[in-house]
Amino acid sequence: MEAPEVPTEHLNEAIEHQAKHSKASWTMGVALSSALLAGLAAVCSLLAGHHSNEAMIEQIQSSDKWAFYQAKGIKAAVLGSKIELLEAEGKPVSPKDRDKLLAYKKDQDDISAEAKEKEEGSKDHLRRHVVFSRGVTLFQIAIAVGAISALTQRKSFWFVSLAFGLLGIGFLVQGSLAR
């Protein structure tokens, strides 16, 4: 999974240009808030990408554990068949073989627990990735609305931009605090 892109450079340039040539003093606030939102979007994007990668790694590790679990199961089945054949022929079964069969079963239980733990870790990272991705989206919307406010000279749009930015910050905090 890739980190969400934040293609807002051209919007920041347009806002700065408008702020420099505008007679309205609040447009400098739009430029500054948009720059801050762009920084927060970059952080949020980085965290979203990190959790996406971690989710994938943990899922791969879980798959590896399940393959190991199956290998132990095959070994246990082969050994179990050997024991059954020996018993059917009335031959003695080595206590070492019986102990090994029990060890395979115990190993499978341990491996299963590890695999399930990795699956849960993967799901947790994926949930956090989604939260951070939502934050990135809101920051991008906030920057775009900020650009609209500067270009149209409508201060009310700047407040809408700030509201979207606050929602983005909310997702950034939520993703950071989630466990």
N, C-alpha and C. Protein backbone atom coordinates (compact mmCIF):
# COMPACT_ATOMS: atom_id res chain seq x y z
N MET A 1 0.84 -1.18 0.00
CA MET A 1 0.00 0.00 0.00
C MET A 1 0.89 1.24 0.00
N GLU A 2 0.48 2.22 -0.76
CA GLU A 2 1.26 3.45 -0.85
C GLU A 2 0.70 4.49 0.10
N ALA A 3 1.57 5.41 0.48
CA ALA A 3 1.13 6.53 1.30
C ALA A 3 0.34 7.49 0.40
N PRO A 4 -0.72 8.08 0.94
CA PRO A 4 -1.48 9.04 0.13
C PRO A 4 -0.60 10.23 -0.24
N GLU A 5 -0.73 10.69 -1.46
CA GLU A 5 0.03 11.85 -1.89
C GLU A 5 -0.66 13.13 -1.44
N VAL A 6 0.13 14.17 -1.25
CA VAL A 6 -0.40 15.46 -0.86
C VAL A 6 0.03 16.48 -1.92
N PRO A 7 -0.69 16.54 -3.05
CA PRO A 7 -0.30 17.44 -4.14
C PRO A 7 -0.83 18.86 -3.92
N THR A 8 -0.28 19.56 -2.97
CA THR A 8 -0.81 20.89 -2.64
C THR A 8 0.20 22.01 -2.89
N GLU A 9 1.33 21.70 -3.49
CA GLU A 9 2.34 22.72 -3.68
C GLU A 9 1.83 23.89 -4.53
N HIS A 10 1.12 23.57 -5.61
CA HIS A 10 0.64 24.63 -6.50
C HIS A 10 -0.42 25.51 -5.80
N LEU A 11 -1.19 24.91 -4.91
CA LEU A 11 -2.17 25.71 -4.16
C LEU A 11 -1.47 26.67 -3.21
N ASN A 12 -0.43 26.18 -2.53
CA ASN A 12 0.31 27.05 -1.62
C ASN A 12 0.93 28.22 -2.37
N GLU A 13 1.46 27.97 -3.56
CA GLU A 13 2.05 29.05 -4.37
C GLU A 13 0.98 30.08 -4.75
N ALA A 14 -0.19 29.61 -5.13
CA ALA A 14 -1.27 30.52 -5.51
C ALA A 14 -1.72 31.35 -4.31
N ILE A 15 -1.81 30.72 -3.15
CA ILE A 15 -2.22 31.45 -1.95
C ILE A 15 -1.19 32.51 -1.59
N GLU A 16 0.10 32.14 -1.61
CA GLU A 16 1.16 33.11 -1.28
C GLU A 16 1.16 34.29 -2.26
N HIS A 17 0.97 33.98 -3.53
CA HIS A 17 0.94 35.04 -4.54
C HIS A 17 -0.23 35.99 -4.26
N GLN A 18 -1.39 35.41 -3.98
CA GLN A 18 -2.58 36.23 -3.72
C GLN A 18 -2.38 37.06 -2.44
N ALA A 19 -1.75 36.44 -1.43
CA ALA A 19 -1.53 37.15 -0.16
C ALA A 19 -0.61 38.35 -0.35
N LYS A 20 0.39 38.20 -1.19
CA LYS A 20 1.33 39.30 -1.43
C LYS A 20 0.69 40.46 -2.18
N HIS A 21 -0.25 40.13 -3.08
CA HIS A 21 -0.83 41.16 -3.93
C HIS A 21 -2.21 41.61 -3.48
N SER A 22 -2.67 41.10 -2.36
CA SER A 22 -4.01 41.45 -1.89
C SER A 22 -3.94 42.62 -0.92
N LYS A 23 -5.03 43.37 -0.90
CA LYS A 23 -5.13 44.47 0.06
C LYS A 23 -5.72 43.99 1.37
N ALA A 24 -6.32 42.81 1.41
CA ALA A 24 -6.92 42.27 2.62
C ALA A 24 -5.83 41.66 3.49
N SER A 25 -5.78 42.07 4.75
CA SER A 25 -4.72 41.60 5.65
C SER A 25 -4.92 40.14 6.06
N TRP A 26 -6.13 39.65 6.01
CA TRP A 26 -6.40 38.28 6.45
C TRP A 26 -5.85 37.23 5.48
N THR A 27 -5.53 37.64 4.24
CA THR A 27 -5.03 36.66 3.28
C THR A 27 -3.65 36.13 3.68
N MET A 28 -2.89 36.89 4.45
CA MET A 28 -1.62 36.37 4.96
C MET A 28 -1.90 35.23 5.95
N GLY A 29 -2.98 35.37 6.71
CA GLY A 29 -3.40 34.29 7.62
C GLY A 29 -3.78 33.04 6.85
N VAL A 30 -4.41 33.23 5.69
CA VAL A 30 -4.76 32.08 4.84
C VAL A 30 -3.48 31.39 4.39
N ALA A 31 -2.51 32.16 3.97
CA ALA A 31 -1.25 31.59 3.50
C ALA A 31 -0.55 30.83 4.61
N LEU A 32 -0.50 31.43 5.80
CA LEU A 32 0.17 30.77 6.92
C LEU A 32 -0.57 29.52 7.37
N SER A 33 -1.89 29.62 7.47
CA SER A 33 -2.65 28.45 7.90
C SER A 33 -2.57 27.33 6.87
N SER A 34 -2.55 27.69 5.59
CA SER A 34 -2.42 26.66 4.54
C SER A 34 -1.06 25.99 4.60
N ALA A 35 -0.02 26.76 4.88
CA ALA A 35 1.32 26.17 5.01
C ALA A 35 1.36 25.22 6.21
N LEU A 36 0.75 25.61 7.30
CA LEU A 36 0.69 24.75 8.48
C LEU A 36 -0.11 23.48 8.18
N LEU A 37 -1.23 23.64 7.50
CA LEU A 37 -2.05 22.48 7.13
C LEU A 37 -1.30 21.54 6.19
N ALA A 38 -0.50 22.12 5.30
CA ALA A 38 0.30 21.28 4.40
C ALA A 38 1.33 20.47 5.18
N GLY A 39 1.93 21.08 6.19
CA GLY A 39 2.87 20.36 7.05
C GLY A 39 2.19 19.23 7.80
N LEU A 40 1.01 19.52 8.35
CA LEU A 40 0.26 18.49 9.06
C LEU A 40 -0.20 17.38 8.12
N ALA A 41 -0.55 17.75 6.90
CA ALA A 41 -0.93 16.74 5.91
C ALA A 41 0.25 15.83 5.59
N ALA A 42 1.44 16.39 5.51
CA ALA A 42 2.63 15.58 5.24
C ALA A 42 2.90 14.60 6.38
N VAL A 43 2.76 15.08 7.62
CA VAL A 43 2.95 14.20 8.78
C VAL A 43 1.91 13.09 8.78
N CYS A 44 0.67 13.46 8.55
CA CYS A 44 -0.43 12.50 8.53
C CYS A 44 -0.21 11.47 7.41
N SER A 45 0.24 11.93 6.28
CA SER A 45 0.50 11.04 5.15
C SER A 45 1.63 10.07 5.48
N LEU A 46 2.66 10.56 6.12
CA LEU A 46 3.78 9.70 6.52
C LEU A 46 3.30 8.62 7.49
N LEU A 47 2.49 9.00 8.46
CA LEU A 47 1.97 8.03 9.42
C LEU A 47 1.02 7.03 8.76
N ALA A 48 0.22 7.49 7.82
CA ALA A 48 -0.68 6.57 7.10
C ALA A 48 0.14 5.54 6.33
N GLY A 49 1.18 5.98 5.67
CA GLY A 49 2.05 5.07 4.93
C GLY A 49 2.76 4.09 5.84
N HIS A 50 3.22 4.59 6.99
CA HIS A 50 3.90 3.71 7.95
C HIS A 50 2.97 2.59 8.41
N HIS A 51 1.76 2.94 8.78
CA HIS A 51 0.83 1.92 9.28
C HIS A 51 0.36 0.98 8.17
N SER A 52 0.31 1.48 6.97
CA SER A 52 -0.01 0.61 5.83
C SER A 52 1.08 -0.44 5.65
N ASN A 53 2.33 0.00 5.71
CA ASN A 53 3.46 -0.93 5.58
C ASN A 53 3.49 -1.93 6.73
N GLU A 54 3.28 -1.45 7.94
CA GLU A 54 3.29 -2.34 9.10
C GLU A 54 2.17 -3.37 9.02
N ALA A 55 1.01 -2.96 8.52
CA ALA A 55 -0.11 -3.90 8.37
C ALA A 55 0.27 -5.01 7.40
N MET A 56 0.92 -4.63 6.31
CA MET A 56 1.33 -5.62 5.32
C MET A 56 2.39 -6.56 5.89
N ILE A 57 3.35 -6.03 6.60
CA ILE A 57 4.41 -6.85 7.19
C ILE A 57 3.83 -7.85 8.19
N GLU A 58 2.94 -7.37 9.06
CA GLU A 58 2.35 -8.27 10.05
C GLU A 58 1.48 -9.33 9.39
N GLN A 59 0.81 -8.99 8.30
CA GLN A 59 0.00 -9.99 7.60
C GLN A 59 0.88 -11.05 6.96
N ILE A 60 2.00 -10.63 6.41
CA ILE A 60 2.95 -11.59 5.84
C ILE A 60 3.51 -12.50 6.93
N GLN A 61 3.85 -11.92 8.07
CA GLN A 61 4.36 -12.73 9.18
C GLN A 61 3.31 -13.71 9.68
N SER A 62 2.07 -13.29 9.69
CA SER A 62 0.98 -14.18 10.09
C SER A 62 0.86 -15.34 9.11
N SER A 63 0.95 -15.03 7.82
CA SER A 63 0.88 -16.09 6.80
C SER A 63 2.03 -17.08 6.97
N ASP A 64 3.21 -16.55 7.29
CA ASP A 64 4.35 -17.43 7.53
C ASP A 64 4.09 -18.35 8.72
N LYS A 65 3.50 -17.81 9.77
CA LYS A 65 3.19 -18.62 10.96
C LYS A 65 2.17 -19.70 10.61
N TRP A 66 1.17 -19.36 9.81
CA TRP A 66 0.17 -20.37 9.43
C TRP A 66 0.80 -21.46 8.57
N ALA A 67 1.75 -21.11 7.73
CA ALA A 67 2.45 -22.13 6.93
C ALA A 67 3.26 -23.05 7.84
N PHE A 68 3.90 -22.48 8.84
CA PHE A 68 4.65 -23.26 9.82
C PHE A 68 3.71 -24.17 10.60
N TYR A 69 2.53 -23.64 10.95
CA TYR A 69 1.50 -24.43 11.64
C TYR A 69 1.12 -25.65 10.80
N GLN A 70 0.91 -25.42 9.51
CA GLN A 70 0.54 -26.52 8.62
C GLN A 70 1.67 -27.55 8.50
N ALA A 71 2.91 -27.08 8.47
CA ALA A 71 4.04 -28.00 8.39
C ALA A 71 4.09 -28.89 9.62
N LYS A 72 3.86 -28.29 10.78
CA LYS A 72 3.82 -29.09 12.02
C LYS A 72 2.66 -30.08 11.96
N GLY A 73 1.54 -29.67 11.40
CA GLY A 73 0.39 -30.56 11.27
C GLY A 73 0.69 -31.75 10.37
N ILE A 74 1.41 -31.50 9.29
CA ILE A 74 1.78 -32.58 8.36
C ILE A 74 2.73 -33.55 9.06
N LYS A 75 3.71 -33.00 9.79
CA LYS A 75 4.63 -33.86 10.52
C LYS A 75 3.88 -34.70 11.56
N ALA A 76 2.93 -34.07 12.24
CA ALA A 76 2.14 -34.79 13.25
C ALA A 76 1.31 -35.88 12.59
N ALA A 77 0.74 -35.60 11.42
CA ALA A 77 -0.08 -36.60 10.72
C ALA A 77 0.76 -37.78 10.26
N VAL A 78 1.94 -37.51 9.75
CA VAL A 78 2.83 -38.58 9.31
C VAL A 78 3.25 -39.44 10.50
N LEU A 79 3.63 -38.80 11.59
CA LEU A 79 4.03 -39.53 12.79
C LEU A 79 2.85 -40.30 13.38
N GLY A 80 1.67 -39.69 13.35
CA GLY A 80 0.47 -40.37 13.83
C GLY A 80 0.16 -41.61 13.01
N SER A 81 0.33 -41.51 11.69
CA SER A 81 0.12 -42.68 10.82
C SER A 81 1.13 -43.78 11.13
N LYS A 82 2.36 -43.39 11.38
CA LYS A 82 3.40 -44.37 11.73
C LYS A 82 3.01 -45.10 13.01
N ILE A 83 2.56 -44.34 14.01
CA ILE A 83 2.18 -44.94 15.29
C ILE A 83 0.99 -45.89 15.09
N GLU A 84 0.00 -45.47 14.30
CA GLU A 84 -1.16 -46.32 14.05
C GLU A 84 -0.77 -47.61 13.32
N LEU A 85 0.12 -47.51 12.35
CA LEU A 85 0.58 -48.70 11.63
C LEU A 85 1.31 -49.66 12.56
N LEU A 86 2.18 -49.12 13.39
CA LEU A 86 2.91 -49.98 14.33
C LEU A 86 1.95 -50.67 15.30
N GLU A 87 0.96 -49.91 15.79
CA GLU A 87 -0.02 -50.50 16.71
C GLU A 87 -0.86 -51.56 16.00
N ALA A 88 -1.23 -51.31 14.74
CA ALA A 88 -2.03 -52.27 13.98
C ALA A 88 -1.27 -53.57 13.72
N GLU A 89 0.04 -53.46 13.58
CA GLU A 89 0.85 -54.64 13.35
C GLU A 89 1.29 -55.30 14.66
N GLY A 90 0.89 -54.69 15.79
CA GLY A 90 1.23 -55.24 17.09
C GLY A 90 2.69 -55.02 17.47
N LYS A 91 3.31 -54.06 16.87
CA LYS A 91 4.71 -53.74 17.17
C LYS A 91 4.76 -52.64 18.23
N PRO A 92 5.83 -52.59 18.97
CA PRO A 92 5.95 -51.58 20.01
C PRO A 92 6.16 -50.18 19.39
N VAL A 93 5.55 -49.20 20.05
CA VAL A 93 5.68 -47.80 19.63
C VAL A 93 6.65 -47.13 20.59
N SER A 94 7.60 -46.46 20.04
CA SER A 94 8.61 -45.78 20.86
C SER A 94 7.96 -44.64 21.65
N PRO A 95 8.26 -44.56 22.96
CA PRO A 95 7.75 -43.43 23.75
C PRO A 95 8.26 -42.09 23.19
N LYS A 96 9.41 -42.14 22.55
CA LYS A 96 9.97 -40.93 21.92
C LYS A 96 9.02 -40.43 20.83
N ASP A 97 8.43 -41.35 20.04
CA ASP A 97 7.50 -40.97 18.98
C ASP A 97 6.23 -40.36 19.58
N ARG A 98 5.73 -40.95 20.66
CA ARG A 98 4.52 -40.41 21.30
C ARG A 98 4.78 -39.02 21.87
N ASP A 99 5.95 -38.85 22.48
CA ASP A 99 6.32 -37.53 23.01
C ASP A 99 6.46 -36.51 21.88
N LYS A 100 7.04 -36.95 20.78
CA LYS A 100 7.22 -36.05 19.64
C LYS A 100 5.86 -35.62 19.07
N LEU A 101 4.90 -36.56 19.03
CA LEU A 101 3.56 -36.25 18.54
C LEU A 101 2.90 -35.19 19.43
N LEU A 102 3.04 -35.34 20.74
CA LEU A 102 2.50 -34.35 21.68
C LEU A 102 3.20 -32.99 21.51
N ALA A 103 4.51 -33.04 21.27
CA ALA A 103 5.26 -31.80 21.07
C ALA A 103 4.78 -31.07 19.81
N TYR A 104 4.50 -31.83 18.74
CA TYR A 104 3.97 -31.20 17.52
C TYR A 104 2.64 -30.51 17.80
N LYS A 105 1.77 -31.15 18.55
CA LYS A 105 0.47 -30.56 18.88
C LYS A 105 0.64 -29.29 19.71
N LYS A 106 1.56 -29.33 20.68
CA LYS A 106 1.80 -28.14 21.51
C LYS A 106 2.39 -27.02 20.66
N ASP A 107 3.33 -27.38 19.78
CA ASP A 107 3.92 -26.37 18.88
C ASP A 107 2.84 -25.72 18.04
N GLN A 108 1.91 -26.52 17.54
CA GLN A 108 0.82 -25.98 16.72
C GLN A 108 -0.01 -24.99 17.52
N ASP A 109 -0.29 -25.29 18.78
CA ASP A 109 -1.07 -24.36 19.61
C ASP A 109 -0.33 -23.04 19.78
N ASP A 110 0.98 -23.12 20.04
CA ASP A 110 1.78 -21.90 20.21
C ASP A 110 1.85 -21.10 18.92
N ILE A 111 2.06 -21.79 17.82
CA ILE A 111 2.17 -21.12 16.52
C ILE A 111 0.84 -20.46 16.16
N SER A 112 -0.25 -21.15 16.43
CA SER A 112 -1.58 -20.60 16.15
C SER A 112 -1.81 -19.30 16.92
N ALA A 113 -1.41 -19.29 18.19
CA ALA A 113 -1.57 -18.08 19.00
C ALA A 113 -0.74 -16.92 18.42
N GLU A 114 0.49 -17.22 18.00
CA GLU A 114 1.35 -16.18 17.41
C GLU A 114 0.76 -15.65 16.11
N ALA A 115 0.23 -16.56 15.28
CA ALA A 115 -0.35 -16.16 14.00
C ALA A 115 -1.56 -15.26 14.22
N LYS A 116 -2.40 -15.62 15.18
CA LYS A 116 -3.59 -14.80 15.47
C LYS A 116 -3.18 -13.43 16.01
N GLU A 117 -2.12 -13.39 16.80
CA GLU A 117 -1.63 -12.11 17.33
C GLU A 117 -1.14 -11.21 16.19
N LYS A 118 -0.43 -11.81 15.23
CA LYS A 118 0.04 -11.04 14.07
C LYS A 118 -1.14 -10.54 13.23
N GLU A 119 -2.17 -11.36 13.08
CA GLU A 119 -3.36 -10.94 12.33
C GLU A 119 -4.03 -9.74 13.00
N GLU A 120 -4.14 -9.80 14.32
CA GLU A 120 -4.75 -8.68 15.05
C GLU A 120 -3.90 -7.42 14.93
N GLY A 121 -2.57 -7.59 14.99
CA GLY A 121 -1.67 -6.44 14.82
C GLY A 121 -1.84 -5.82 13.44
N SER A 122 -1.98 -6.66 12.44
CA SER A 122 -2.19 -6.17 11.08
C SER A 122 -3.49 -5.38 10.98
N LYS A 123 -4.54 -5.92 11.57
CA LYS A 123 -5.84 -5.23 11.53
C LYS A 123 -5.76 -3.88 12.24
N ASP A 124 -5.03 -3.84 13.37
CA ASP A 124 -4.87 -2.59 14.11
C ASP A 124 -4.14 -1.55 13.26
N HIS A 125 -3.05 -1.95 12.62
CA HIS A 125 -2.31 -1.02 11.77
C HIS A 125 -3.17 -0.55 10.60
N LEU A 126 -3.97 -1.44 10.05
CA LEU A 126 -4.82 -1.06 8.93
C LEU A 126 -5.88 -0.05 9.37
N ARG A 127 -6.45 -0.26 10.56
CA ARG A 127 -7.43 0.71 11.09
C ARG A 127 -6.79 2.08 11.26
N ARG A 128 -5.57 2.10 11.80
CA ARG A 128 -4.88 3.38 12.00
C ARG A 128 -4.54 4.03 10.66
N HIS A 129 -4.16 3.22 9.68
CA HIS A 129 -3.88 3.74 8.34
C HIS A 129 -5.11 4.47 7.79
N VAL A 130 -6.28 3.86 7.96
CA VAL A 130 -7.52 4.46 7.46
C VAL A 130 -7.78 5.80 8.15
N VAL A 131 -7.58 5.85 9.46
CA VAL A 131 -7.81 7.10 10.20
C VAL A 131 -6.86 8.19 9.71
N PHE A 132 -5.58 7.87 9.57
CA PHE A 132 -4.63 8.86 9.09
C PHE A 132 -4.94 9.28 7.65
N SER A 133 -5.38 8.35 6.83
CA SER A 133 -5.73 8.70 5.44
C SER A 133 -6.90 9.67 5.40
N ARG A 134 -7.84 9.49 6.29
CA ARG A 134 -8.96 10.44 6.38
C ARG A 134 -8.45 11.82 6.77
N GLY A 135 -7.49 11.85 7.68
CA GLY A 135 -6.88 13.12 8.08
C GLY A 135 -6.21 13.81 6.90
N VAL A 136 -5.47 13.04 6.11
CA VAL A 136 -4.81 13.60 4.92
C VAL A 136 -5.84 14.20 3.99
N THR A 137 -6.93 13.48 3.77
CA THR A 137 -7.98 13.97 2.88
C THR A 137 -8.55 15.29 3.38
N LEU A 138 -8.83 15.37 4.67
CA LEU A 138 -9.40 16.61 5.22
C LEU A 138 -8.40 17.76 5.15
N PHE A 139 -7.12 17.47 5.37
CA PHE A 139 -6.12 18.53 5.24
C PHE A 139 -6.06 19.02 3.80
N GLN A 140 -6.14 18.13 2.83
CA GLN A 140 -6.13 18.54 1.43
C GLN A 140 -7.34 19.40 1.09
N ILE A 141 -8.50 19.00 1.60
CA ILE A 141 -9.71 19.79 1.38
C ILE A 141 -9.56 21.17 2.01
N ALA A 142 -9.00 21.21 3.23
CA ALA A 142 -8.81 22.48 3.93
C ALA A 142 -7.90 23.41 3.12
N ILE A 143 -6.83 22.87 2.58
CA ILE A 143 -5.90 23.68 1.79
C ILE A 143 -6.58 24.20 0.52
N ALA A 144 -7.36 23.34 -0.12
CA ALA A 144 -8.06 23.75 -1.34
C ALA A 144 -9.08 24.85 -1.05
N VAL A 145 -9.83 24.70 0.03
CA VAL A 145 -10.82 25.73 0.39
C VAL A 145 -10.11 27.02 0.78
N GLY A 146 -8.93 26.89 1.44
CA GLY A 146 -8.14 28.09 1.75
C GLY A 146 -7.71 28.81 0.49
N ALA A 147 -7.32 28.05 -0.52
CA ALA A 147 -6.94 28.67 -1.80
C ALA A 147 -8.13 29.37 -2.44
N ILE A 148 -9.28 28.74 -2.36
CA ILE A 148 -10.49 29.36 -2.91
C ILE A 148 -10.78 30.67 -2.19
N SER A 149 -10.62 30.68 -0.86
CA SER A 149 -10.90 31.90 -0.10
C SER A 149 -9.96 33.03 -0.51
N ALA A 150 -8.68 32.71 -0.70
CA ALA A 150 -7.73 33.74 -1.09
C ALA A 150 -7.99 34.24 -2.51
N LEU A 151 -8.31 33.31 -3.40
CA LEU A 151 -8.52 33.70 -4.80
C LEU A 151 -9.82 34.47 -5.01
N THR A 152 -10.85 34.14 -4.24
CA THR A 152 -12.14 34.82 -4.39
C THR A 152 -12.32 35.97 -3.41
N GLN A 153 -11.31 36.15 -2.52
CA GLN A 153 -11.37 37.21 -1.50
C GLN A 153 -12.60 37.07 -0.60
N ARG A 154 -12.93 35.83 -0.24
CA ARG A 154 -14.06 35.56 0.65
C ARG A 154 -13.52 34.97 1.94
N LYS A 155 -13.56 35.79 2.97
CA LYS A 155 -13.01 35.39 4.26
C LYS A 155 -13.77 34.22 4.87
N SER A 156 -15.05 34.10 4.58
CA SER A 156 -15.86 33.01 5.15
C SER A 156 -15.32 31.64 4.72
N PHE A 157 -14.78 31.57 3.51
CA PHE A 157 -14.21 30.30 3.05
C PHE A 157 -12.98 29.92 3.87
N TRP A 158 -12.25 30.94 4.33
CA TRP A 158 -11.07 30.67 5.16
C TRP A 158 -11.49 29.97 6.44
N PHE A 159 -12.61 30.42 7.02
CA PHE A 159 -13.09 29.79 8.25
C PHE A 159 -13.54 28.34 7.98
N VAL A 160 -14.11 28.12 6.82
CA VAL A 160 -14.47 26.74 6.44
C VAL A 160 -13.20 25.91 6.29
N SER A 161 -12.19 26.50 5.70
CA SER A 161 -10.89 25.83 5.56
C SER A 161 -10.33 25.45 6.92
N LEU A 162 -10.39 26.38 7.86
CA LEU A 162 -9.89 26.11 9.21
C LEU A 162 -10.70 25.00 9.89
N ALA A 163 -12.00 24.97 9.63
CA ALA A 163 -12.84 23.91 10.21
C ALA A 163 -12.42 22.54 9.67
N PHE A 164 -12.19 22.46 8.36
CA PHE A 164 -11.70 21.20 7.78
C PHE A 164 -10.34 20.83 8.37
N GLY A 165 -9.51 21.84 8.57
CA GLY A 165 -8.20 21.60 9.18
C GLY A 165 -8.32 21.06 10.59
N LEU A 166 -9.25 21.57 11.36
CA LEU A 166 -9.47 21.06 12.72
C LEU A 166 -9.96 19.63 12.69
N LEU A 167 -10.82 19.31 11.74
CA LEU A 167 -11.26 17.91 11.60
C LEU A 167 -10.07 17.02 11.25
N GLY A 168 -9.20 17.50 10.38
CA GLY A 168 -7.99 16.74 10.02
C GLY A 168 -7.11 16.52 11.24
N ILE A 169 -6.97 17.56 12.07
CA ILE A 169 -6.20 17.44 13.31
C ILE A 169 -6.85 16.41 14.22
N GLY A 170 -8.17 16.39 14.24
CA GLY A 170 -8.88 15.40 15.05
C GLY A 170 -8.53 13.98 14.62
N PHE A 171 -8.48 13.73 13.30
CA PHE A 171 -8.10 12.40 12.82
C PHE A 171 -6.63 12.10 13.12
N LEU A 172 -5.79 13.12 13.04
CA LEU A 172 -4.37 12.94 13.36
C LEU A 172 -4.21 12.53 14.82
N VAL A 173 -4.92 13.19 15.69
CA VAL A 173 -4.87 12.85 17.13
C VAL A 173 -5.47 11.47 17.37
N GLN A 174 -6.62 11.21 16.75
CA GLN A 174 -7.28 9.90 16.94
C GLN A 174 -6.36 8.76 16.49
N GLY A 175 -5.72 8.92 15.35
CA GLY A 175 -4.82 7.88 14.86
C GLY A 175 -3.60 7.72 15.75
N SER A 176 -3.12 8.82 16.32
CA SER A 176 -1.95 8.76 17.19
C SER A 176 -2.26 8.11 18.53
N LEU A 177 -3.46 8.30 19.02
CA LEU A 177 -3.82 7.77 20.34
C LEU A 177 -4.41 6.36 20.28
N ALA A 178 -4.80 5.91 19.10
CA ALA A 178 -5.44 4.59 18.96
C ALA A 178 -4.45 3.48 19.33
N ARG A 179 -4.95 2.49 19.98
CA ARG A 179 -4.16 1.29 20.34
C ARG A 179 -4.99 0.10 20.15
